[in-house]
Amino acid sequence: MAPTERVTVTLSSDLVQGIDRFERNRSRFIAEAVRRELECRRRQELLRSLQDPHPEIADLAEVGLADWGEHLPPDDEELVDLAAGTPVNWVEGEGWVERPR
């Protein structure tokens, strides 16, 4: 469990009454609401960065992964032994399932 810190938050009485209607533990309710809001803001920030990427990143994105891979030195191709792994497929509801060779 992550360490906790005590903070003082001032809320209007109607908000406190609304919380009390649904949850006995105000701290848990507020922590969950804050987690959701932080996740929402992280997603918004990611979307904003995808819509207006840094110029250097935009240049890299235009090159594309396939083009990047084609320009790797031949020595780097030996970093991964494709025959050594186990082929898998993602199956909804089951997860990763081994694929027949």
Protein backbone atom coordinates (compact mmCIF):
# COMPACT_ATOMS: atom_id res chain seq x y z
CA MET A 1 0.00 0.00 0.00
CA ALA A 2 1.30 3.45 -0.88
CA PRO A 3 2.18 5.80 1.96
CA THR A 4 -0.56 8.27 2.81
CA GLU A 5 -0.59 11.92 3.75
CA ARG A 6 -3.24 13.82 5.61
CA VAL A 7 -4.59 16.88 3.80
CA THR A 8 -7.28 19.38 4.67
CA VAL A 9 -9.89 19.99 2.01
CA THR A 10 -12.71 22.47 2.37
CA LEU A 11 -15.97 21.41 0.69
CA SER A 12 -19.40 22.97 0.68
CA SER A 13 -21.87 21.28 3.00
CA ASP A 14 -24.04 20.16 0.08
CA LEU A 15 -21.04 18.25 -1.38
CA VAL A 16 -20.35 16.63 2.00
CA GLN A 17 -24.01 15.62 2.31
CA GLY A 18 -23.89 14.19 -1.22
CA ILE A 19 -20.81 12.12 -0.35
CA ASP A 20 -22.40 10.91 2.88
CA ARG A 21 -25.45 9.71 0.95
CA PHE A 22 -23.30 7.23 -1.01
CA GLU A 23 -20.25 6.48 1.12
CA ARG A 24 -19.50 6.30 4.81
CA ASN A 25 -15.77 6.70 4.26
CA ARG A 26 -15.35 10.23 2.87
CA SER A 27 -11.61 9.82 2.39
CA ARG A 28 -12.07 6.74 0.22
CA PHE A 29 -14.76 8.48 -1.85
CA ILE A 30 -12.64 11.58 -2.40
CA ALA A 31 -9.50 9.54 -3.18
CA GLU A 32 -11.43 7.56 -5.83
CA ALA A 33 -12.81 10.76 -7.36
CA VAL A 34 -9.33 12.30 -7.48
CA ARG A 35 -7.87 9.16 -9.11
CA ARG A 36 -10.55 9.28 -11.81
CA GLU A 37 -9.94 12.96 -12.45
CA LEU A 38 -6.16 12.49 -12.65
CA GLU A 39 -6.61 9.65 -15.16
CA CYS A 40 -8.98 11.81 -17.20
CA ARG A 41 -6.47 14.67 -17.26
CA ARG A 42 -3.62 12.30 -18.23
CA ARG A 43 -5.71 11.09 -21.18
CA GLN A 44 -6.51 14.68 -22.17
CA GLU A 45 -2.80 15.56 -21.99
CA LEU A 46 -1.90 12.55 -24.15
CA LEU A 47 -4.55 13.46 -26.74
CA ARG A 48 -3.30 17.04 -26.75
CA SER A 49 0.28 15.87 -27.31
CA LEU A 50 -0.84 13.54 -30.13
CA GLN A 51 -2.73 16.37 -31.83
CA ASP A 52 0.14 18.83 -31.46
CA PRO A 53 3.37 16.81 -31.05
CA HIS A 54 6.79 18.30 -30.44
CA PRO A 55 8.42 19.03 -33.85
CA GLU A 56 11.21 16.48 -33.35
CA ILE A 57 8.71 13.74 -32.47
CA ALA A 58 6.52 14.67 -35.43
CA ASP A 59 9.52 14.17 -37.74
CA LEU A 60 10.13 10.72 -36.26
CA ALA A 61 6.47 9.78 -36.63
CA GLU A 62 6.53 10.70 -40.30
CA VAL A 63 9.42 8.32 -40.91
CA GLY A 64 7.38 5.41 -39.57
CA LEU A 65 8.41 2.24 -37.78
CA ALA A 66 8.90 0.18 -40.96
CA ASP A 67 11.23 2.77 -42.47
CA TRP A 68 13.14 3.00 -39.21
CA GLY A 69 13.57 -0.77 -39.08
CA GLU A 70 14.80 -0.91 -42.67
CA HIS A 71 17.65 1.42 -41.79
CA LEU A 72 18.96 -0.59 -38.84
CA PRO A 73 22.48 -1.90 -39.25
CA PRO A 74 22.65 -5.63 -40.09
CA ASP A 75 24.27 -6.41 -36.70
CA ASP A 76 21.10 -5.31 -34.87
CA GLU A 77 19.04 -7.97 -36.61
CA GLU A 78 20.76 -10.59 -34.45
CA LEU A 79 19.56 -9.03 -31.20
CA VAL A 80 16.31 -11.01 -31.32
CA ASP A 81 16.10 -14.71 -32.15
CA LEU A 82 12.57 -15.07 -33.52
CA ALA A 83 12.83 -18.87 -33.48
CA ALA A 84 13.48 -18.89 -29.71
CA GLY A 85 10.11 -17.44 -28.68
CA THR A 86 6.67 -18.94 -28.37
CA PRO A 87 4.16 -17.60 -30.89
CA VAL A 88 1.00 -16.31 -29.22
CA ASN A 89 -2.24 -14.62 -30.18
CA TRP A 90 -4.45 -12.39 -28.07
CA VAL A 91 -7.90 -13.93 -27.58
CA GLU A 92 -10.58 -11.69 -26.08
CA GLY A 93 -11.74 -13.10 -22.76
CA GLU A 94 -8.84 -15.57 -22.57
CA GLY A 95 -5.72 -13.44 -22.90
CA TRP A 96 -2.53 -14.61 -24.60
CA VAL A 97 -2.94 -18.08 -26.11
CA GLU A 98 -0.11 -20.12 -27.59
CA ARG A 99 -0.38 -20.34 -31.35
CA PRO A 100 0.49 -23.60 -33.11
CA ARG A 101 3.82 -23.44 -34.94
